[in-house]
Amino acid sequence: MKLSRKIGKVFNSRYCFVFLNGFLLASIVHFYNEDSYEKGLFESLAENVRSKSIGKTPYDEAILLNSLHLTHYLGERRSIVFRDKEVHSFKAAVVHPVTYDLMTTSGACGSFAYILSRLLNELKIPNRIAQMKVDGIYAGHNVVEAKTSKGWVVLDGLNNLYFKKADGNLASFSDVQHNWNFYSSQVPANYDHKYKYEGVRYTNWNKVPVLMPAIKGILSATLGKEKTEHLSLRTFFLRKFHILLEVAACLYVILLFLSIRNFMRRNPQKIKNYLSSFITSKKALVMPVNEKKASA
């Protein structure tokens, strides 16, 4: 009991509130700067894709393929420098923003998938990260599927690869999976043929025991089982500093509310005096106006 009271006093002290207030404000500024930097980079990449796609038909397909080619171009050159190298820092190891993948592509196919997905998000194109089953194990290779007016289209950033159906339209993961013999002829010469599209999942619902299955159950009940199975949660969490910014801002609002409530509880007489003086001053301003109106 004594320990809990001491802890309670610490957290209710003025110094604790001041410290937390400063820490959260500093965090908000830092997260905002990092998020703005990332957004600026991907806005520039998106503008590059749009400029290269002008005049191309169909325009939607040109946007997708130019996004794919740009992702591969940037990632391949950086992987030459950073291959088999690790950057040891809190930012890289814990936060791991997409800007880290953009700089190093140290996550191999995963980095290419994150960059491409983030770029498509910036272009306002719905997409999902597909975790391919390889030798019976999911996430053996990561690709991206983008949604078009004609359906889903699979894009492999690592191999700069897309597939075309017999009618000339771009193929989906499902198309390739169910006719690998036909589509395997479209892969480049250096392609690893163990990536033969044998299966896919879009979210690892067992990654966090209890929590993830519970979320899946809720989503299945609201969205439906099929939509939940094809939902890629990772796509929504690529802007990590933006998420951290929103969390820090929410915590700051809560702290501000608690600070005001704590002040009001400790200083009821001061609040009462201030309000009474405020009301009195308002009345003093209104009375001369009323007197002038009466005399007129």
Protein backbone atom coordinates (compact mmCIF):
# COMPACT_ATOMS: atom_id res chain seq x y z
CA MET A 1 0.00 0.00 0.00
CA LYS A 2 2.80 2.43 0.93
CA LEU A 3 4.64 1.70 -2.33
CA SER A 4 1.49 2.21 -4.42
CA ARG A 5 0.81 5.51 -2.64
CA LYS A 6 4.36 6.69 -3.31
CA ILE A 7 4.03 5.75 -6.98
CA GLY A 8 0.69 7.54 -7.10
CA LYS A 9 2.23 10.68 -5.60
CA VAL A 10 5.04 10.63 -8.16
CA PHE A 11 2.64 10.39 -11.09
CA ASN A 12 0.35 13.04 -9.62
CA SER A 13 3.20 15.44 -8.93
CA ARG A 14 3.67 18.64 -10.89
CA TYR A 15 7.18 17.62 -11.97
CA CYS A 16 5.93 14.38 -13.50
CA PHE A 17 3.30 16.20 -15.52
CA VAL A 18 5.84 18.75 -16.71
CA PHE A 19 8.27 16.00 -17.73
CA LEU A 20 5.60 13.98 -19.58
CA ASN A 21 4.31 17.14 -21.22
CA GLY A 22 7.77 18.00 -22.54
CA PHE A 23 8.51 14.43 -23.59
CA LEU A 24 5.27 14.10 -25.56
CA LEU A 25 5.67 17.49 -27.22
CA ALA A 26 9.23 16.60 -28.25
CA SER A 27 8.00 13.22 -29.54
CA ILE A 28 5.21 14.87 -31.54
CA VAL A 29 7.69 17.26 -33.20
CA HIS A 30 10.12 14.43 -33.96
CA PHE A 31 7.45 12.08 -35.36
CA TYR A 32 5.99 14.91 -37.44
CA ASN A 33 9.38 15.74 -38.96
CA GLU A 34 10.11 12.08 -39.75
CA ASP A 35 6.67 11.52 -41.26
CA SER A 36 6.92 14.72 -43.33
CA TYR A 37 10.34 13.62 -44.63
CA GLU A 38 9.01 10.20 -45.63
CA LYS A 39 5.90 11.64 -47.26
CA GLY A 40 8.00 14.16 -49.19
CA LEU A 41 10.19 11.38 -50.57
CA PHE A 42 7.28 9.27 -51.75
CA GLU A 43 5.43 12.29 -53.15
CA SER A 44 8.49 12.91 -55.34
CA LEU A 45 8.58 9.26 -56.41
CA ALA A 46 4.85 9.36 -57.19
CA GLU A 47 5.32 12.51 -59.28
CA ASN A 48 8.11 10.78 -61.20
CA VAL A 49 5.80 7.84 -61.94
CA ARG A 50 2.99 10.14 -63.11
CA SER A 51 5.30 12.12 -65.40
CA LYS A 52 6.60 8.93 -67.04
CA SER A 53 3.05 7.65 -67.55
CA ILE A 54 1.68 10.71 -69.36
CA GLY A 55 0.53 9.80 -72.86
CA LYS A 56 0.82 6.06 -72.23
CA THR A 57 -2.21 3.84 -72.77
CA PRO A 58 -3.78 2.37 -70.82
CA TYR A 59 -2.77 5.01 -68.27
CA ASP A 60 -3.67 2.92 -65.19
CA GLU A 61 -1.47 0.06 -66.37
CA ALA A 62 1.38 2.49 -67.13
CA ILE A 63 1.16 3.87 -63.58
CA LEU A 64 1.44 0.37 -62.10
CA LEU A 65 4.31 -0.77 -64.31
CA ASN A 66 6.28 2.46 -63.90
CA SER A 67 5.85 2.13 -60.12
CA LEU A 68 7.17 -1.42 -60.35
CA HIS A 69 10.14 -0.43 -62.52
CA LEU A 70 11.06 2.53 -60.31
CA THR A 71 10.91 0.38 -57.17
CA HIS A 72 13.19 -2.22 -58.74
CA TYR A 73 15.56 0.42 -60.13
CA LEU A 74 16.04 2.11 -56.76
CA GLY A 75 16.15 -1.08 -54.71
CA GLU A 76 18.54 -3.02 -56.93
CA ARG A 77 21.19 -0.31 -56.86
CA ARG A 78 21.03 0.15 -53.12
CA SER A 79 21.15 -3.58 -52.50
CA ILE A 80 24.55 -3.68 -54.22
CA VAL A 81 25.90 -1.33 -51.54
CA PHE A 82 24.03 -2.64 -48.49
CA ARG A 83 23.87 -6.35 -49.26
CA ASP A 84 24.83 -8.43 -46.19
CA LYS A 85 25.21 -5.25 -44.11
CA GLU A 86 23.17 -4.20 -41.09
CA VAL A 87 22.63 -0.73 -39.71
CA HIS A 88 22.56 -1.05 -35.92
CA SER A 89 20.30 1.65 -34.51
CA PHE A 90 17.07 1.96 -32.55
CA LYS A 91 15.34 3.51 -35.56
CA ALA A 92 16.31 0.67 -37.89
CA ALA A 93 15.78 -2.20 -35.46
CA VAL A 94 12.62 -1.11 -33.62
CA VAL A 95 10.73 1.41 -35.75
CA HIS A 96 12.03 0.22 -39.14
CA PRO A 97 10.34 2.86 -41.32
CA VAL A 98 9.92 2.38 -45.06
CA THR A 99 12.61 5.03 -45.59
CA TYR A 100 15.08 2.51 -44.15
CA ASP A 101 13.97 -0.05 -46.77
CA LEU A 102 14.15 2.64 -49.45
CA MET A 103 17.73 3.40 -48.46
CA THR A 104 19.10 -0.11 -47.93
CA THR A 105 16.63 -2.74 -49.26
CA SER A 106 18.26 -4.96 -46.63
CA GLY A 107 15.00 -6.86 -46.23
CA ALA A 108 15.33 -8.34 -49.72
CA CYS A 109 11.90 -9.09 -51.25
CA GLY A 110 10.20 -7.66 -48.16
CA SER A 111 11.89 -4.27 -48.63
CA PHE A 112 10.89 -4.17 -52.30
CA ALA A 113 7.29 -5.04 -51.36
CA TYR A 114 7.13 -2.32 -48.67
CA ILE A 115 8.55 0.34 -51.00
CA LEU A 116 6.18 -0.58 -53.83
CA SER A 117 3.16 -0.76 -51.52
CA ARG A 118 4.02 2.61 -49.93
CA LEU A 119 4.44 4.17 -53.39
CA LEU A 120 1.08 2.80 -54.54
CA ASN A 121 -0.50 4.17 -51.36
CA GLU A 122 0.89 7.60 -52.27
CA LEU A 123 -0.66 7.19 -55.73
CA LYS A 124 -4.01 6.34 -54.05
CA ILE A 125 -4.03 2.84 -55.58
CA PRO A 126 -5.50 0.12 -53.31
CA ASN A 127 -2.97 -2.64 -52.78
CA ARG A 128 -2.04 -5.52 -50.51
CA ILE A 129 1.20 -7.30 -49.65
CA ALA A 130 1.00 -10.98 -50.58
CA GLN A 131 3.09 -13.47 -48.60
CA MET A 132 3.84 -16.31 -50.99
CA LYS A 133 4.04 -19.90 -49.84
CA VAL A 134 7.43 -21.39 -50.75
CA ASP A 135 8.17 -25.05 -50.05
CA GLY A 136 5.12 -25.19 -47.81
CA ILE A 137 6.10 -22.11 -45.75
CA TYR A 138 4.31 -18.77 -46.02
CA ALA A 139 6.21 -15.49 -46.51
CA GLY A 140 8.99 -17.29 -48.39
CA HIS A 141 8.68 -14.47 -50.93
CA ASN A 142 6.75 -11.18 -50.77
CA VAL A 143 5.03 -9.51 -53.70
CA VAL A 144 2.36 -6.82 -54.06
CA GLU A 145 -1.11 -6.97 -55.55
CA ALA A 146 -2.70 -3.74 -56.80
CA LYS A 147 -6.40 -3.29 -57.44
CA THR A 148 -7.47 -2.05 -60.87
CA SER A 149 -10.81 -1.66 -62.63
CA LYS A 150 -10.24 -5.13 -64.10
CA GLY A 151 -9.30 -6.83 -60.82
CA TRP A 152 -6.15 -7.50 -58.83
CA VAL A 153 -2.70 -7.40 -60.47
CA VAL A 154 0.44 -9.05 -59.04
CA LEU A 155 3.75 -7.13 -59.09
CA ASP A 156 7.12 -8.52 -57.99
CA GLY A 157 9.42 -5.62 -57.12
CA LEU A 158 12.48 -7.75 -56.43
CA ASN A 159 12.40 -9.37 -59.87
CA ASN A 160 10.83 -6.42 -61.72
CA LEU A 161 8.19 -8.91 -62.80
CA TYR A 162 4.56 -8.82 -63.85
CA PHE A 163 2.52 -11.33 -65.78
CA LYS A 164 0.20 -10.99 -68.74
CA LYS A 165 -2.78 -13.19 -69.50
CA ALA A 166 -3.51 -14.56 -72.94
CA ASP A 167 -5.83 -11.61 -73.62
CA GLY A 168 -3.05 -9.11 -72.85
CA ASN A 169 -4.37 -7.97 -69.48
CA LEU A 170 -2.24 -8.09 -66.34
CA ALA A 171 -2.62 -11.23 -64.22
CA SER A 172 -3.40 -11.61 -60.52
CA PHE A 173 -1.72 -13.88 -57.98
CA SER A 174 -4.63 -16.31 -58.33
CA ASP A 175 -4.25 -16.38 -62.13
CA VAL A 176 -0.56 -17.25 -61.86
CA GLN A 177 -1.14 -19.76 -59.07
CA HIS A 178 -3.68 -21.75 -61.07
CA ASN A 179 -1.72 -21.75 -64.35
CA TRP A 180 1.95 -21.68 -63.38
CA ASN A 181 2.97 -23.73 -66.42
CA PHE A 182 1.76 -20.92 -68.69
CA TYR A 183 3.09 -17.98 -66.68
CA SER A 184 6.46 -19.53 -65.81
CA SER A 185 7.58 -18.82 -69.38
CA GLN A 186 7.36 -15.06 -68.63
CA VAL A 187 9.89 -14.98 -65.78
CA PRO A 188 13.42 -13.61 -66.35
CA ALA A 189 16.40 -15.92 -66.87
CA ASN A 190 17.77 -15.37 -63.33
CA TYR A 191 14.41 -16.06 -61.65
CA ASP A 192 14.37 -18.49 -58.70
CA HIS A 193 11.84 -21.12 -59.77
CA LYS A 194 11.04 -22.15 -56.22
CA TYR A 195 8.84 -19.02 -56.21
CA LYS A 196 6.10 -20.79 -58.16
CA TYR A 197 3.03 -19.16 -56.59
CA GLU A 198 1.90 -22.29 -54.77
CA GLY A 199 -0.15 -20.37 -52.20
CA VAL A 200 -0.64 -17.01 -50.51
CA ARG A 201 -1.72 -15.31 -47.30
CA TYR A 202 -2.13 -11.59 -46.77
CA THR A 203 -1.84 -11.40 -42.98
CA ASN A 204 -0.20 -13.72 -40.47
CA TRP A 205 -3.10 -14.01 -38.03
CA ASN A 206 -1.05 -16.16 -35.64
CA LYS A 207 1.86 -13.74 -35.26
CA VAL A 208 0.63 -12.41 -31.90
CA PRO A 209 -1.17 -15.17 -29.98
CA VAL A 210 -4.62 -14.35 -28.61
CA LEU A 211 -4.61 -10.76 -29.91
CA MET A 212 -4.36 -11.43 -33.65
CA PRO A 213 -6.89 -14.31 -33.67
CA ALA A 214 -9.26 -12.07 -31.67
CA ILE A 215 -8.88 -9.26 -34.23
CA LYS A 216 -9.47 -11.74 -37.04
CA GLY A 217 -12.63 -12.97 -35.34
CA ILE A 218 -13.98 -9.42 -34.99
CA LEU A 219 -13.16 -8.57 -38.61
CA SER A 220 -14.68 -11.83 -39.86
CA ALA A 221 -17.90 -10.99 -38.02
CA THR A 222 -18.04 -7.46 -39.45
CA LEU A 223 -16.40 -7.67 -42.89
CA GLY A 224 -17.01 -11.34 -43.65
CA LYS A 225 -14.60 -14.27 -43.69
CA GLU A 226 -13.50 -13.92 -47.32
CA LYS A 227 -12.66 -10.21 -47.06
CA THR A 228 -10.75 -10.81 -43.84
CA GLU A 229 -8.68 -13.59 -45.43
CA HIS A 230 -7.71 -11.21 -48.25
CA LEU A 231 -6.94 -8.28 -45.95
CA SER A 232 -3.33 -7.15 -45.67
CA LEU A 233 -2.94 -5.35 -42.33
CA ARG A 234 0.69 -4.52 -43.03
CA THR A 235 -0.34 -2.21 -45.87
CA PHE A 236 -2.10 0.07 -43.38
CA PHE A 237 0.90 0.32 -41.04
CA LEU A 238 3.63 1.34 -43.46
CA ARG A 239 3.61 5.01 -42.37
CA LYS A 240 4.95 4.14 -38.94
CA PHE A 241 5.96 7.64 -37.90
CA HIS A 242 2.49 8.89 -38.83
CA ILE A 243 0.97 6.26 -36.55
CA LEU A 244 3.40 7.18 -33.76
CA LEU A 245 2.51 10.84 -34.29
CA GLU A 246 -1.21 10.11 -33.87
CA VAL A 247 -0.58 7.99 -30.76
CA ALA A 248 1.63 10.69 -29.19
CA ALA A 249 -0.95 13.38 -30.00
CA CYS A 250 -3.73 11.33 -28.38
CA LEU A 251 -1.60 10.75 -25.27
CA TYR A 252 -0.85 14.47 -25.11
CA VAL A 253 -4.56 15.35 -25.25
CA ILE A 254 -5.24 12.85 -22.46
CA LEU A 255 -2.38 14.28 -20.38
CA LEU A 256 -3.66 17.81 -20.95
CA PHE A 257 -7.14 16.78 -19.80
CA LEU A 258 -5.69 15.10 -16.69
CA SER A 259 -3.56 18.17 -15.93
CA ILE A 260 -6.57 20.48 -16.12
CA ARG A 261 -8.67 18.14 -14.02
CA ASN A 262 -5.88 17.81 -11.44
CA PHE A 263 -5.46 21.59 -11.24
CA MET A 264 -9.20 22.10 -10.80
CA ARG A 265 -9.35 19.52 -8.03
CA ARG A 266 -6.43 21.07 -6.13
CA ASN A 267 -7.46 24.69 -6.59
CA PRO A 268 -11.26 24.89 -6.42
CA GLN A 269 -11.21 28.27 -4.66
CA LYS A 270 -8.89 29.81 -7.26
CA ILE A 271 -11.20 28.58 -10.05
CA LYS A 272 -14.23 29.97 -8.23
CA ASN A 273 -12.55 33.35 -7.67
CA TYR A 274 -11.41 33.57 -11.28
CA LEU A 275 -14.87 32.75 -12.63
CA SER A 276 -16.56 35.25 -10.31
CA SER A 277 -14.11 38.00 -11.26
CA PHE A 278 -14.56 37.16 -14.96
CA ILE A 279 -18.35 37.37 -14.65
CA THR A 280 -18.10 40.60 -12.69
CA SER A 281 -15.86 42.20 -15.34
CA LYS A 282 -18.29 41.14 -18.06
CA LYS A 283 -21.16 42.74 -16.16
CA ALA A 284 -19.11 45.90 -15.71
CA LEU A 285 -18.63 46.13 -19.48
CA VAL A 286 -22.28 45.48 -20.26
CA MET A 287 -23.75 47.98 -17.75
CA PRO A 288 -22.40 51.20 -19.41
CA VAL A 289 -23.79 50.00 -22.74
CA ASN A 290 -27.22 49.45 -21.18
CA GLU A 291 -27.09 52.88 -19.52
CA LYS A 292 -26.28 54.56 -22.86
CA LYS A 293 -29.19 52.77 -24.52
CA ALA A 294 -31.52 53.84 -21.68
CA SER A 295 -30.43 57.49 -21.89
CA ALA A 296 -30.89 57.48 -25.65
